[in-house]
Structures are given as C-alpha cells and as structure tokens.
Amino acid sequence: MWMNEHDINDAVRRYGEHPLLGPATWTLDSLRVAVNGCSDGWPFWKAPGAAAAKLMDLIQAHQRWERTEYQRPREGAEATAKALREAYAQLRRFRTVRAAVGGIDFTIYAAPDVPGDPVPEPEPAKPTVRLTVTGDQATLVLSQPLAAGRYRGTVSHLVADLEHLVADTEATVDELRAALDG
C-alpha cells in the first residue's frame, strides 16, 4: 500500500533508531524529498512510488507485525535484511533509469548486511589560527594541532609559544608578529 507524506514522517519518527527500518525509512524520506524537489510532488508522480513499493510494503508489514504482537496468527512480517536488499534493488534500478533523463538525487542508507550509497571520506580540516589583540593582552583561537579552544596570555608570551606551531600553519612567524603589531 502506498504511503503518503504523513505516513512516511510517522515511520521515520517511529523507526528512526531501528537497525533495519531506520535506514529504510530514511531512504524513503530521502526519495520523497527528492521527488518533491523535482516534480509536482510525491502524491502526483507515480514512478517513484512504484519503485519504492517493496520498501513501503516492508515498512507496513513490520507495522502490522508489531500491532498484532499478542494475536494469533500474527499478521505481517518482521523486517529482514533480505527484504530490505530486494527493496533497495528496485530503488537503484529506478535511479539508474532516471539518470538517463536528468537523474534524481536521493540517498540509499546502509543497514546491517545491506549496502547503501558510498559515503565520501571527509577532507581533513585545515588548521586555523585566529589572534585578537586588546592592549597588551591577546586571545588566540586554534583549531589544530592543539586541542581546539581559547588560549589567553600576554602578547610576548603567546608569540614565543606560537613559534613551534607555525610549521603546521600557512602563516610565518613574521606574519604572526605583524598581526600582533598591527
């Protein structure tokens, strides 16, 4: 059964921390946001809903399974990695077909034993030094290599301590001294 935007929001709220359904609901929400951003919207463009049919069925079957916990026979089915892999296969197929006509950008989130989209490695942060001088006092804010934070002391004391940090930054000792004097 097709899930409207409220159903998707409710599933994300309800299962966001679940090991299998968390990534499943985040993926469905990502698809819905992408569809709303490039078409008349989730309720009106039927192709993404058809591609996500297995994913929506998986989520709803687990909801029925939870609701009938004390009934026999129990309805629905508990979410499994195999079912999630099959649902993701439909979404990947849809994304591949749409890539030929401009594409649609949504994220497929990984779950245990279910691969998602590759996550790019973050670039290492560039060390920064910010120096504020007020009278004969200075405040130094470093992002690296020391623990990020604020360091206070006299200007001459800070300049002496900065000389060993200069190698990790792009600034030279003369540039730092010029910043102190200026």
N, C-alpha and C. Protein backbone atom coordinates (compact mmCIF):
# COMPACT_ATOMS: atom_id res chain seq x y z
N MET A 1 0.84 -1.18 0.00
CA MET A 1 0.00 0.00 0.00
C MET A 1 0.89 1.25 0.00
N TRP A 2 0.49 2.24 -0.77
CA TRP A 2 1.25 3.47 -0.92
C TRP A 2 1.23 4.27 0.39
N MET A 3 2.35 4.88 0.75
CA MET A 3 2.47 5.68 1.97
C MET A 3 2.48 7.16 1.58
N ASN A 4 1.60 7.95 2.20
CA ASN A 4 1.61 9.39 1.94
C ASN A 4 2.69 10.05 2.80
N GLU A 5 2.81 11.37 2.68
CA GLU A 5 3.89 12.06 3.38
C GLU A 5 3.75 11.93 4.90
N HIS A 6 2.54 11.97 5.40
CA HIS A 6 2.34 11.81 6.85
C HIS A 6 2.77 10.41 7.29
N ASP A 7 2.43 9.40 6.52
CA ASP A 7 2.84 8.02 6.84
C ASP A 7 4.36 7.89 6.88
N ILE A 8 5.03 8.54 5.94
CA ILE A 8 6.49 8.48 5.89
C ILE A 8 7.08 9.19 7.11
N ASN A 9 6.57 10.38 7.43
CA ASN A 9 7.05 11.11 8.61
C ASN A 9 6.85 10.28 9.87
N ASP A 10 5.69 9.64 9.99
CA ASP A 10 5.39 8.83 11.15
C ASP A 10 6.34 7.63 11.23
N ALA A 11 6.64 7.00 10.10
CA ALA A 11 7.55 5.86 10.08
C ALA A 11 8.96 6.29 10.47
N VAL A 12 9.41 7.45 9.99
CA VAL A 12 10.74 7.96 10.35
C VAL A 12 10.79 8.21 11.85
N ARG A 13 9.76 8.83 12.40
CA ARG A 13 9.71 9.11 13.83
C ARG A 13 9.69 7.81 14.64
N ARG A 14 8.92 6.87 14.17
CA ARG A 14 8.72 5.62 14.91
C ARG A 14 9.90 4.66 14.81
N TYR A 15 10.50 4.55 13.63
CA TYR A 15 11.53 3.54 13.39
C TYR A 15 12.91 4.12 13.12
N GLY A 16 13.10 5.40 13.33
CA GLY A 16 14.38 6.04 13.01
C GLY A 16 15.59 5.39 13.65
N GLU A 17 15.44 4.77 14.81
CA GLU A 17 16.56 4.14 15.51
C GLU A 17 16.61 2.63 15.31
N HIS A 18 15.65 2.06 14.60
CA HIS A 18 15.61 0.62 14.37
C HIS A 18 16.77 0.25 13.43
N PRO A 19 17.47 -0.88 13.68
CA PRO A 19 18.64 -1.20 12.86
C PRO A 19 18.34 -1.40 11.37
N LEU A 20 17.20 -1.98 11.02
CA LEU A 20 16.85 -2.17 9.60
C LEU A 20 15.86 -1.13 9.10
N LEU A 21 14.84 -0.88 9.90
CA LEU A 21 13.80 0.05 9.43
C LEU A 21 14.24 1.50 9.52
N GLY A 22 15.21 1.81 10.37
CA GLY A 22 15.73 3.19 10.41
C GLY A 22 16.27 3.59 9.05
N PRO A 23 17.26 2.86 8.52
CA PRO A 23 17.77 3.19 7.19
C PRO A 23 16.69 3.09 6.10
N ALA A 24 15.77 2.15 6.23
CA ALA A 24 14.69 2.02 5.24
C ALA A 24 13.81 3.27 5.22
N THR A 25 13.44 3.75 6.40
CA THR A 25 12.57 4.94 6.45
C THR A 25 13.34 6.19 6.05
N TRP A 26 14.63 6.28 6.39
CA TRP A 26 15.43 7.45 5.96
C TRP A 26 15.55 7.46 4.45
N THR A 27 15.71 6.28 3.85
CA THR A 27 15.81 6.18 2.39
C THR A 27 14.50 6.62 1.74
N LEU A 28 13.38 6.14 2.27
CA LEU A 28 12.09 6.52 1.72
C LEU A 28 11.86 8.03 1.87
N ASP A 29 12.25 8.57 3.01
CA ASP A 29 12.11 10.02 3.22
C ASP A 29 13.01 10.79 2.26
N SER A 30 14.23 10.30 2.03
CA SER A 30 15.13 10.95 1.08
C SER A 30 14.54 10.95 -0.33
N LEU A 31 13.95 9.83 -0.72
CA LEU A 31 13.30 9.75 -2.03
C LEU A 31 12.14 10.73 -2.12
N ARG A 32 11.32 10.79 -1.07
CA ARG A 32 10.18 11.70 -1.07
C ARG A 32 10.63 13.15 -1.19
N VAL A 33 11.66 13.54 -0.46
CA VAL A 33 12.18 14.91 -0.54
C VAL A 33 12.70 15.21 -1.94
N ALA A 34 13.42 14.25 -2.53
CA ALA A 34 13.95 14.45 -3.89
C ALA A 34 12.82 14.58 -4.90
N VAL A 35 11.79 13.76 -4.76
CA VAL A 35 10.65 13.83 -5.68
C VAL A 35 9.92 15.16 -5.53
N ASN A 36 9.73 15.61 -4.31
CA ASN A 36 9.06 16.89 -4.09
C ASN A 36 9.87 18.05 -4.66
N GLY A 37 11.19 17.89 -4.72
CA GLY A 37 12.04 18.95 -5.23
C GLY A 37 12.14 19.02 -6.75
N CYS A 38 11.72 17.97 -7.46
CA CYS A 38 11.92 17.99 -8.91
C CYS A 38 10.66 17.63 -9.70
N SER A 39 9.51 17.64 -9.06
CA SER A 39 8.29 17.28 -9.79
C SER A 39 7.10 17.97 -9.12
N ASP A 40 5.91 17.53 -9.51
CA ASP A 40 4.70 18.06 -8.88
C ASP A 40 4.57 17.61 -7.44
N GLY A 41 5.33 16.62 -7.05
CA GLY A 41 5.33 16.18 -5.67
C GLY A 41 5.10 14.69 -5.52
N TRP A 42 5.39 14.20 -4.34
CA TRP A 42 5.28 12.79 -4.01
C TRP A 42 3.90 12.21 -4.35
N PRO A 43 2.80 12.90 -4.05
CA PRO A 43 1.50 12.28 -4.34
C PRO A 43 1.17 12.17 -5.82
N PHE A 44 1.84 12.93 -6.67
CA PHE A 44 1.41 13.02 -8.07
C PHE A 44 2.30 12.29 -9.06
N TRP A 45 3.58 12.07 -8.74
CA TRP A 45 4.46 11.37 -9.65
C TRP A 45 4.48 9.90 -9.22
N LYS A 46 3.89 9.04 -9.99
CA LYS A 46 3.68 7.65 -9.60
C LYS A 46 4.92 6.77 -9.74
N ALA A 47 5.86 7.08 -10.63
CA ALA A 47 7.03 6.22 -10.85
C ALA A 47 7.87 6.00 -9.59
N PRO A 48 8.19 7.05 -8.82
CA PRO A 48 8.98 6.80 -7.60
C PRO A 48 8.22 5.95 -6.58
N GLY A 49 6.92 6.16 -6.49
CA GLY A 49 6.13 5.35 -5.57
C GLY A 49 6.12 3.89 -5.97
N ALA A 50 6.07 3.65 -7.29
CA ALA A 50 6.12 2.27 -7.78
C ALA A 50 7.49 1.65 -7.48
N ALA A 51 8.55 2.43 -7.64
CA ALA A 51 9.90 1.93 -7.35
C ALA A 51 10.08 1.64 -5.86
N ALA A 52 9.40 2.40 -5.03
CA ALA A 52 9.53 2.23 -3.58
C ALA A 52 8.45 1.32 -3.00
N ALA A 53 7.67 0.66 -3.86
CA ALA A 53 6.55 -0.16 -3.38
C ALA A 53 7.02 -1.26 -2.42
N LYS A 54 8.10 -1.95 -2.76
CA LYS A 54 8.60 -3.02 -1.87
C LYS A 54 9.08 -2.44 -0.55
N LEU A 55 9.68 -1.27 -0.60
CA LEU A 55 10.16 -0.63 0.63
C LEU A 55 8.98 -0.24 1.52
N MET A 56 7.95 0.35 0.91
CA MET A 56 6.76 0.71 1.68
C MET A 56 6.06 -0.53 2.22
N ASP A 57 6.00 -1.59 1.42
CA ASP A 57 5.39 -2.85 1.89
C ASP A 57 6.17 -3.42 3.07
N LEU A 58 7.50 -3.35 3.01
CA LEU A 58 8.33 -3.84 4.10
C LEU A 58 8.03 -3.09 5.40
N ILE A 59 7.96 -1.78 5.32
CA ILE A 59 7.70 -0.95 6.50
C ILE A 59 6.30 -1.24 7.04
N GLN A 60 5.31 -1.29 6.17
CA GLN A 60 3.95 -1.52 6.62
C GLN A 60 3.74 -2.94 7.14
N ALA A 61 4.40 -3.93 6.55
CA ALA A 61 4.30 -5.30 7.06
C ALA A 61 4.87 -5.38 8.47
N HIS A 62 5.97 -4.66 8.72
CA HIS A 62 6.54 -4.64 10.07
C HIS A 62 5.60 -3.93 11.04
N GLN A 63 4.94 -2.87 10.59
CA GLN A 63 3.96 -2.18 11.45
C GLN A 63 2.83 -3.13 11.83
N ARG A 64 2.30 -3.88 10.85
CA ARG A 64 1.24 -4.85 11.15
C ARG A 64 1.75 -5.93 12.10
N TRP A 65 2.99 -6.37 11.88
CA TRP A 65 3.58 -7.40 12.73
C TRP A 65 3.68 -6.90 14.17
N GLU A 66 4.07 -5.63 14.36
CA GLU A 66 4.14 -5.06 15.72
C GLU A 66 2.76 -4.93 16.35
N ARG A 67 1.77 -4.47 15.56
CA ARG A 67 0.42 -4.27 16.09
C ARG A 67 -0.24 -5.57 16.53
N THR A 68 0.11 -6.66 15.90
CA THR A 68 -0.54 -7.94 16.20
C THR A 68 0.34 -8.83 17.07
N GLU A 69 1.14 -8.21 17.92
CA GLU A 69 2.08 -8.95 18.74
C GLU A 69 1.40 -10.02 19.60
N TYR A 70 0.21 -9.71 20.11
CA TYR A 70 -0.46 -10.65 21.01
C TYR A 70 -1.60 -11.40 20.34
N GLN A 71 -1.69 -11.32 19.03
CA GLN A 71 -2.72 -12.05 18.30
C GLN A 71 -2.11 -13.30 17.67
N ARG A 72 -2.93 -14.30 17.54
CA ARG A 72 -2.50 -15.50 16.83
C ARG A 72 -3.54 -15.83 15.79
N PRO A 73 -3.23 -16.03 14.55
CA PRO A 73 -1.89 -15.90 13.97
C PRO A 73 -1.51 -14.44 13.81
N ARG A 74 -0.24 -14.19 13.91
CA ARG A 74 0.28 -12.83 13.81
C ARG A 74 0.30 -12.41 12.34
N GLU A 75 -0.10 -11.17 12.07
CA GLU A 75 -0.13 -10.66 10.70
C GLU A 75 1.17 -9.94 10.37
N GLY A 76 1.43 -9.77 9.09
CA GLY A 76 2.62 -9.05 8.65
C GLY A 76 3.87 -9.89 8.83
N ALA A 77 5.01 -9.22 8.80
CA ALA A 77 6.29 -9.92 8.95
C ALA A 77 7.31 -8.95 9.52
N GLU A 78 8.21 -9.51 10.32
CA GLU A 78 9.30 -8.71 10.85
C GLU A 78 10.25 -8.36 9.70
N ALA A 79 10.79 -7.16 9.72
CA ALA A 79 11.71 -6.72 8.67
C ALA A 79 12.96 -7.58 8.67
N THR A 80 13.43 -7.95 7.48
CA THR A 80 14.65 -8.74 7.34
C THR A 80 15.61 -8.03 6.39
N ALA A 81 16.89 -8.35 6.51
CA ALA A 81 17.89 -7.76 5.63
C ALA A 81 17.65 -8.17 4.19
N LYS A 82 17.21 -9.40 3.97
CA LYS A 82 16.95 -9.88 2.60
C LYS A 82 15.84 -9.04 1.94
N ALA A 83 14.76 -8.80 2.67
CA ALA A 83 13.66 -8.00 2.13
C ALA A 83 14.11 -6.57 1.85
N LEU A 84 14.94 -6.02 2.72
CA LEU A 84 15.44 -4.66 2.51
C LEU A 84 16.35 -4.60 1.29
N ARG A 85 17.23 -5.61 1.10
CA ARG A 85 18.08 -5.64 -0.10
C ARG A 85 17.24 -5.66 -1.37
N GLU A 86 16.17 -6.45 -1.38
CA GLU A 86 15.29 -6.52 -2.55
C GLU A 86 14.60 -5.18 -2.80
N ALA A 87 14.17 -4.53 -1.75
CA ALA A 87 13.52 -3.22 -1.90
C ALA A 87 14.51 -2.18 -2.43
N TYR A 88 15.74 -2.23 -1.91
CA TYR A 88 16.76 -1.30 -2.37
C TYR A 88 17.12 -1.54 -3.84
N ALA A 89 17.05 -2.80 -4.29
CA ALA A 89 17.35 -3.11 -5.70
C ALA A 89 16.39 -2.37 -6.62
N GLN A 90 15.11 -2.31 -6.25
CA GLN A 90 14.12 -1.58 -7.05
C GLN A 90 14.46 -0.08 -7.11
N LEU A 91 14.86 0.47 -5.98
CA LEU A 91 15.20 1.90 -5.95
C LEU A 91 16.45 2.20 -6.78
N ARG A 92 17.44 1.31 -6.70
CA ARG A 92 18.65 1.51 -7.51
C ARG A 92 18.32 1.43 -9.00
N ARG A 93 17.45 0.51 -9.37
CA ARG A 93 17.03 0.37 -10.76
C ARG A 93 16.34 1.67 -11.22
N PHE A 94 15.45 2.18 -10.39
CA PHE A 94 14.75 3.43 -10.71
C PHE A 94 15.75 4.57 -10.89
N ARG A 95 16.71 4.68 -9.98
CA ARG A 95 17.69 5.76 -10.06
C ARG A 95 18.54 5.63 -11.33
N THR A 96 18.90 4.42 -11.72
CA THR A 96 19.68 4.20 -12.93
C THR A 96 18.89 4.60 -14.17
N VAL A 97 17.63 4.23 -14.23
CA VAL A 97 16.79 4.59 -15.38
C VAL A 97 16.61 6.10 -15.45
N ARG A 98 16.39 6.74 -14.31
CA ARG A 98 16.19 8.19 -14.28
C ARG A 98 17.47 8.96 -14.61
N ALA A 99 18.64 8.35 -14.40
CA ALA A 99 19.91 9.02 -14.68
C ALA A 99 20.02 9.37 -16.16
N ALA A 100 19.38 8.58 -17.02
CA ALA A 100 19.45 8.83 -18.47
C ALA A 100 18.69 10.09 -18.87
N VAL A 101 17.75 10.54 -18.03
CA VAL A 101 16.95 11.72 -18.37
C VAL A 101 17.09 12.82 -17.32
N GLY A 102 18.25 12.96 -16.77
CA GLY A 102 18.48 14.06 -15.84
C GLY A 102 18.68 13.62 -14.40
N GLY A 103 18.25 12.42 -14.07
CA GLY A 103 18.51 11.87 -12.74
C GLY A 103 17.65 12.43 -11.63
N ILE A 104 17.73 11.75 -10.53
CA ILE A 104 17.08 12.18 -9.29
C ILE A 104 18.04 11.84 -8.17
N ASP A 105 18.27 12.78 -7.30
CA ASP A 105 19.31 12.63 -6.29
C ASP A 105 18.69 12.32 -4.93
N PHE A 106 18.77 11.06 -4.52
CA PHE A 106 18.35 10.67 -3.18
C PHE A 106 19.36 9.68 -2.63
N THR A 107 19.34 9.49 -1.33
CA THR A 107 20.33 8.65 -0.66
C THR A 107 19.71 7.33 -0.23
N ILE A 108 20.43 6.25 -0.50
CA ILE A 108 20.05 4.93 0.00
C ILE A 108 20.97 4.64 1.18
N TYR A 109 20.38 4.53 2.37
CA TYR A 109 21.14 4.37 3.60
C TYR A 109 21.45 2.90 3.88
N ALA A 110 22.65 2.65 4.35
CA ALA A 110 23.09 1.29 4.66
C ALA A 110 22.49 0.82 5.97
N ALA A 111 22.24 -0.48 6.03
CA ALA A 111 21.78 -1.15 7.24
C ALA A 111 22.67 -2.36 7.46
N PRO A 112 22.59 -3.03 8.60
CA PRO A 112 23.40 -4.23 8.80
C PRO A 112 23.15 -5.26 7.69
N ASP A 113 24.20 -5.69 7.03
CA ASP A 113 24.16 -6.66 5.92
C ASP A 113 23.45 -6.14 4.68
N VAL A 114 23.21 -4.84 4.60
CA VAL A 114 22.56 -4.24 3.43
C VAL A 114 23.37 -3.02 3.04
N PRO A 115 24.03 -3.06 1.88
CA PRO A 115 24.85 -1.90 1.49
C PRO A 115 23.99 -0.71 1.08
N GLY A 116 24.50 0.45 1.38
CA GLY A 116 23.85 1.69 0.97
C GLY A 116 24.74 2.42 -0.02
N ASP A 117 24.48 3.69 -0.20
CA ASP A 117 25.33 4.51 -1.06
C ASP A 117 26.67 4.72 -0.38
N PRO A 118 27.75 4.80 -1.16
CA PRO A 118 29.06 5.06 -0.55
C PRO A 118 29.07 6.45 0.09
N VAL A 119 29.71 6.53 1.23
CA VAL A 119 29.82 7.80 1.95
C VAL A 119 31.21 8.35 1.68
N PRO A 120 31.29 9.57 1.11
CA PRO A 120 32.62 10.12 0.82
C PRO A 120 33.40 10.40 2.10
N GLU A 121 34.71 10.20 2.00
CA GLU A 121 35.59 10.48 3.13
C GLU A 121 35.67 11.99 3.33
N PRO A 122 35.52 12.46 4.55
CA PRO A 122 35.65 13.90 4.78
C PRO A 122 37.09 14.35 4.59
N GLU A 123 37.25 15.54 4.06
CA GLU A 123 38.59 16.09 3.89
C GLU A 123 39.10 16.56 5.25
N PRO A 124 40.38 16.36 5.51
CA PRO A 124 40.90 16.80 6.80
C PRO A 124 40.80 18.32 6.92
N ALA A 125 40.48 18.75 8.10
CA ALA A 125 40.33 20.19 8.34
C ALA A 125 41.69 20.87 8.30
N LYS A 126 41.71 22.04 7.71
CA LYS A 126 42.93 22.82 7.61
C LYS A 126 43.12 23.57 8.95
N PRO A 127 44.31 23.53 9.52
CA PRO A 127 44.50 24.23 10.80
C PRO A 127 44.30 25.73 10.64
N THR A 128 43.64 26.33 11.60
CA THR A 128 43.43 27.77 11.57
C THR A 128 43.90 28.38 12.88
N VAL A 129 44.37 29.61 12.77
CA VAL A 129 44.81 30.38 13.93
C VAL A 129 44.14 31.74 13.84
N ARG A 130 43.43 32.13 14.90
CA ARG A 130 42.83 33.47 14.94
C ARG A 130 43.35 34.17 16.19
N LEU A 131 43.89 35.35 15.99
CA LEU A 131 44.51 36.09 17.08
C LEU A 131 43.80 37.43 17.24
N THR A 132 43.38 37.74 18.45
CA THR A 132 42.73 39.01 18.75
C THR A 132 43.56 39.71 19.81
N VAL A 133 44.01 40.92 19.52
CA VAL A 133 44.85 41.67 20.44
C VAL A 133 44.06 42.84 21.00
N THR A 134 44.05 42.94 22.33
CA THR A 134 43.41 44.06 23.01
C THR A 134 44.42 44.62 24.01
N GLY A 135 44.98 45.78 23.70
CA GLY A 135 46.01 46.36 24.58
C GLY A 135 47.21 45.45 24.61
N ASP A 136 47.65 45.08 25.84
CA ASP A 136 48.80 44.18 25.94
C ASP A 136 48.37 42.73 26.15
N GLN A 137 47.09 42.44 25.97
CA GLN A 137 46.58 41.07 26.08
C GLN A 137 46.16 40.56 24.71
N ALA A 138 46.29 39.26 24.51
CA ALA A 138 45.91 38.65 23.24
C ALA A 138 45.10 37.40 23.52
N THR A 139 44.15 37.11 22.61
CA THR A 139 43.38 35.88 22.66
C THR A 139 43.69 35.10 21.40
N LEU A 140 44.08 33.88 21.57
CA LEU A 140 44.45 33.02 20.46
C LEU A 140 43.43 31.88 20.38
N VAL A 141 42.84 31.68 19.20
CA VAL A 141 41.90 30.59 18.98
C VAL A 141 42.50 29.66 17.93
N LEU A 142 42.74 28.40 18.29
CA LEU A 142 43.34 27.41 17.41
C LEU A 142 42.33 26.33 17.09
N SER A 143 42.35 25.86 15.85
CA SER A 143 41.51 24.71 15.51
C SER A 143 42.33 23.43 15.61
N GLN A 144 43.62 23.50 15.35
CA GLN A 144 44.54 22.36 15.41
C GLN A 144 45.92 22.92 15.61
N PRO A 145 46.94 22.27 15.92
CA PRO A 145 47.10 20.88 16.32
C PRO A 145 46.82 20.67 17.80
N LEU A 146 46.81 21.76 18.59
CA LEU A 146 46.42 21.61 19.99
C LEU A 146 44.92 21.41 20.07
N ALA A 147 44.47 21.08 21.23
CA ALA A 147 43.03 20.95 21.40
C ALA A 147 42.39 22.29 21.05
N ALA A 148 41.32 22.22 20.25
CA ALA A 148 40.64 23.45 19.87
C ALA A 148 40.18 24.17 21.13
N GLY A 149 40.28 25.47 21.13
CA GLY A 149 39.86 26.23 22.30
C GLY A 149 40.43 27.62 22.29
N ARG A 150 40.29 28.31 23.41
CA ARG A 150 40.79 29.67 23.54
C ARG A 150 41.97 29.65 24.51
N TYR A 151 43.02 30.40 24.15
CA TYR A 151 44.21 30.50 24.98
C TYR A 151 44.47 31.97 25.23
N ARG A 152 44.73 32.33 26.49
CA ARG A 152 44.95 33.74 26.84
C ARG A 152 46.32 33.92 27.48
N GLY A 153 46.90 35.10 27.28
CA GLY A 153 48.19 35.41 27.89
C GLY A 153 48.70 36.72 27.34
N THR A 154 49.89 37.13 27.78
CA THR A 154 50.44 38.37 27.24
C THR A 154 50.88 38.14 25.81
N VAL A 155 50.92 39.21 25.04
CA VAL A 155 51.26 39.12 23.62
C VAL A 155 52.65 38.52 23.45
N SER A 156 53.64 38.98 24.19
CA SER A 156 55.00 38.48 24.02
C SER A 156 55.07 37.00 24.39
N HIS A 157 54.35 36.57 25.40
CA HIS A 157 54.33 35.16 25.80
C HIS A 157 53.72 34.30 24.71
N LEU A 158 52.61 34.75 24.11
CA LEU A 158 51.96 33.98 23.06
C LEU A 158 52.81 33.88 21.81
N VAL A 159 53.52 34.95 21.46
CA VAL A 159 54.38 34.92 20.27
C VAL A 159 55.48 33.89 20.45
N ALA A 160 56.06 33.83 21.62
CA ALA A 160 57.11 32.84 21.88
C ALA A 160 56.55 31.41 21.78
N ASP A 161 55.35 31.19 22.29
CA ASP A 161 54.74 29.85 22.24
C ASP A 161 54.27 29.49 20.83
N LEU A 162 53.99 30.50 19.99
CA LEU A 162 53.50 30.22 18.64
C LEU A 162 54.58 29.75 17.69
N GLU A 163 55.81 30.05 17.96
CA GLU A 163 56.88 29.74 17.02
C GLU A 163 56.94 28.25 16.69
N HIS A 164 56.65 27.38 17.66
CA HIS A 164 56.71 25.95 17.36
C HIS A 164 55.44 25.48 16.63
N LEU A 165 54.36 26.26 16.62
CA LEU A 165 53.13 25.89 15.92
C LEU A 165 53.12 26.36 14.46
N VAL A 166 53.99 27.28 14.11
CA VAL A 166 53.98 27.89 12.79
C VAL A 166 54.16 26.86 11.69
N ALA A 167 54.91 25.80 11.93
CA ALA A 167 55.16 24.80 10.90
C ALA A 167 53.87 24.13 10.43
N ASP A 168 52.84 24.07 11.27
CA ASP A 168 51.57 23.42 10.91
C ASP A 168 50.58 24.38 10.26
N THR A 169 50.92 25.63 10.16
CA THR A 169 50.02 26.60 9.54
C THR A 169 50.69 27.20 8.33
N GLU A 170 49.93 27.96 7.57
CA GLU A 170 50.48 28.61 6.39
C GLU A 170 51.12 29.96 6.73
N ALA A 171 50.90 30.43 7.94
CA ALA A 171 51.44 31.72 8.33
C ALA A 171 52.90 31.56 8.78
N THR A 172 53.69 32.59 8.57
CA THR A 172 55.07 32.58 9.03
C THR A 172 55.13 33.34 10.34
N VAL A 173 56.26 33.22 11.02
CA VAL A 173 56.43 33.93 12.29
C VAL A 173 56.32 35.43 12.06
N ASP A 174 56.89 35.92 10.94
CA ASP A 174 56.83 37.36 10.65
C ASP A 174 55.37 37.80 10.45
N GLU A 175 54.58 36.98 9.77
CA GLU A 175 53.17 37.35 9.56
C GLU A 175 52.42 37.40 10.90
N LEU A 176 52.72 36.45 11.79
CA LEU A 176 52.08 36.47 13.10
C LEU A 176 52.52 37.69 13.92
N ARG A 177 53.81 38.00 13.85
CA ARG A 177 54.29 39.19 14.58
C ARG A 177 53.67 40.45 13.98
N ALA A 178 53.51 40.50 12.66
CA ALA A 178 52.88 41.65 12.02
C ALA A 178 51.42 41.78 12.46
N ALA A 179 50.75 40.64 12.62
CA ALA A 179 49.36 40.65 13.10
C ALA A 179 49.31 41.19 14.53
N LEU A 180 50.31 40.85 15.32
CA LEU A 180 50.35 41.33 16.70
C LEU A 180 50.62 42.83 16.75
N ASP A 181 51.51 43.30 15.89
CA ASP A 181 51.86 44.71 15.89
C ASP A 181 50.76 45.58 15.28
N GLY A 182 50.02 45.00 14.32
CA GLY A 182 49.03 45.78 13.57
C GLY A 182 47.75 45.81 14.26
